[in-house]
Amino acid sequence: MNHQTSADDEKRARLAAALRENLKRRKAQARARRADEAPAQEPAPQTQADLNRS
């Protein structure tokens, strides 16, 4: 019985580590995507219609 519990604990630890690594990788990918998109998302210059609404 103890052997099974130990194996389950090891499996849980491996899965937890894999999930943490996956999350780190996904966060890094999301940060890279945001950094690539940031310059492309410059605010549009104000038009005369925008200025009239103020």
Protein backbone atom coordinates (compact mmCIF):
# COMPACT_ATOMS: atom_id res chain seq x y z
CA MET A 1 0.00 0.00 0.00
CA ASN A 2 2.82 2.38 0.88
CA HIS A 3 4.46 1.76 -2.50
CA GLN A 4 1.28 2.83 -4.33
CA THR A 5 0.96 5.99 -2.25
CA SER A 6 4.57 6.89 -2.98
CA ALA A 7 4.04 6.32 -6.71
CA ASP A 8 0.89 8.45 -6.64
CA ASP A 9 2.74 11.24 -4.83
CA GLU A 10 5.58 11.11 -7.37
CA LYS A 11 3.11 11.21 -10.26
CA ARG A 12 1.31 14.17 -8.68
CA ALA A 13 4.61 15.99 -8.21
CA ARG A 14 5.63 15.36 -11.84
CA LEU A 15 2.26 16.58 -13.11
CA ALA A 16 2.41 19.67 -10.91
CA ALA A 17 5.90 20.50 -12.18
CA ALA A 18 4.79 19.99 -15.79
CA LEU A 19 1.80 22.28 -15.26
CA ARG A 20 4.02 24.98 -13.73
CA GLU A 21 6.44 24.80 -16.65
CA ASN A 22 3.56 24.92 -19.14
CA LEU A 23 2.09 27.96 -17.41
CA LYS A 24 5.48 29.74 -17.42
CA ARG A 25 5.87 29.02 -21.14
CA ARG A 26 2.36 30.25 -21.96
CA LYS A 27 2.86 33.44 -19.95
CA ALA A 28 6.15 34.11 -21.73
CA GLN A 29 4.46 33.58 -25.09
CA ALA A 30 1.64 35.96 -24.14
CA ARG A 31 4.15 38.62 -23.00
CA ALA A 32 6.05 38.26 -26.27
CA ARG A 33 2.85 38.61 -28.27
CA ARG A 34 1.86 41.73 -26.32
CA ALA A 35 5.31 43.23 -26.85
CA ASP A 36 5.08 42.57 -30.59
CA GLU A 37 1.60 44.09 -30.83
CA ALA A 38 2.23 47.14 -28.66
CA PRO A 39 3.84 49.32 -31.36
CA ALA A 40 1.07 48.44 -33.80
CA GLN A 41 -1.58 49.65 -31.36
CA GLU A 42 -0.64 53.32 -31.35
CA PRO A 43 -3.64 55.58 -30.84
CA ALA A 44 -5.09 56.98 -34.02
CA PRO A 45 -4.62 60.72 -34.50
CA GLN A 46 -7.64 62.77 -33.53
CA THR A 47 -9.90 63.80 -36.38
CA GLN A 48 -11.84 67.02 -36.61
CA ALA A 49 -14.98 65.10 -35.57
CA ASP A 50 -13.20 63.92 -32.41
CA LEU A 51 -12.13 67.46 -31.62
CA ASN A 52 -15.70 68.78 -32.08
CA ARG A 53 -17.04 66.28 -29.51
CA SER A 54 -14.77 67.61 -26.77
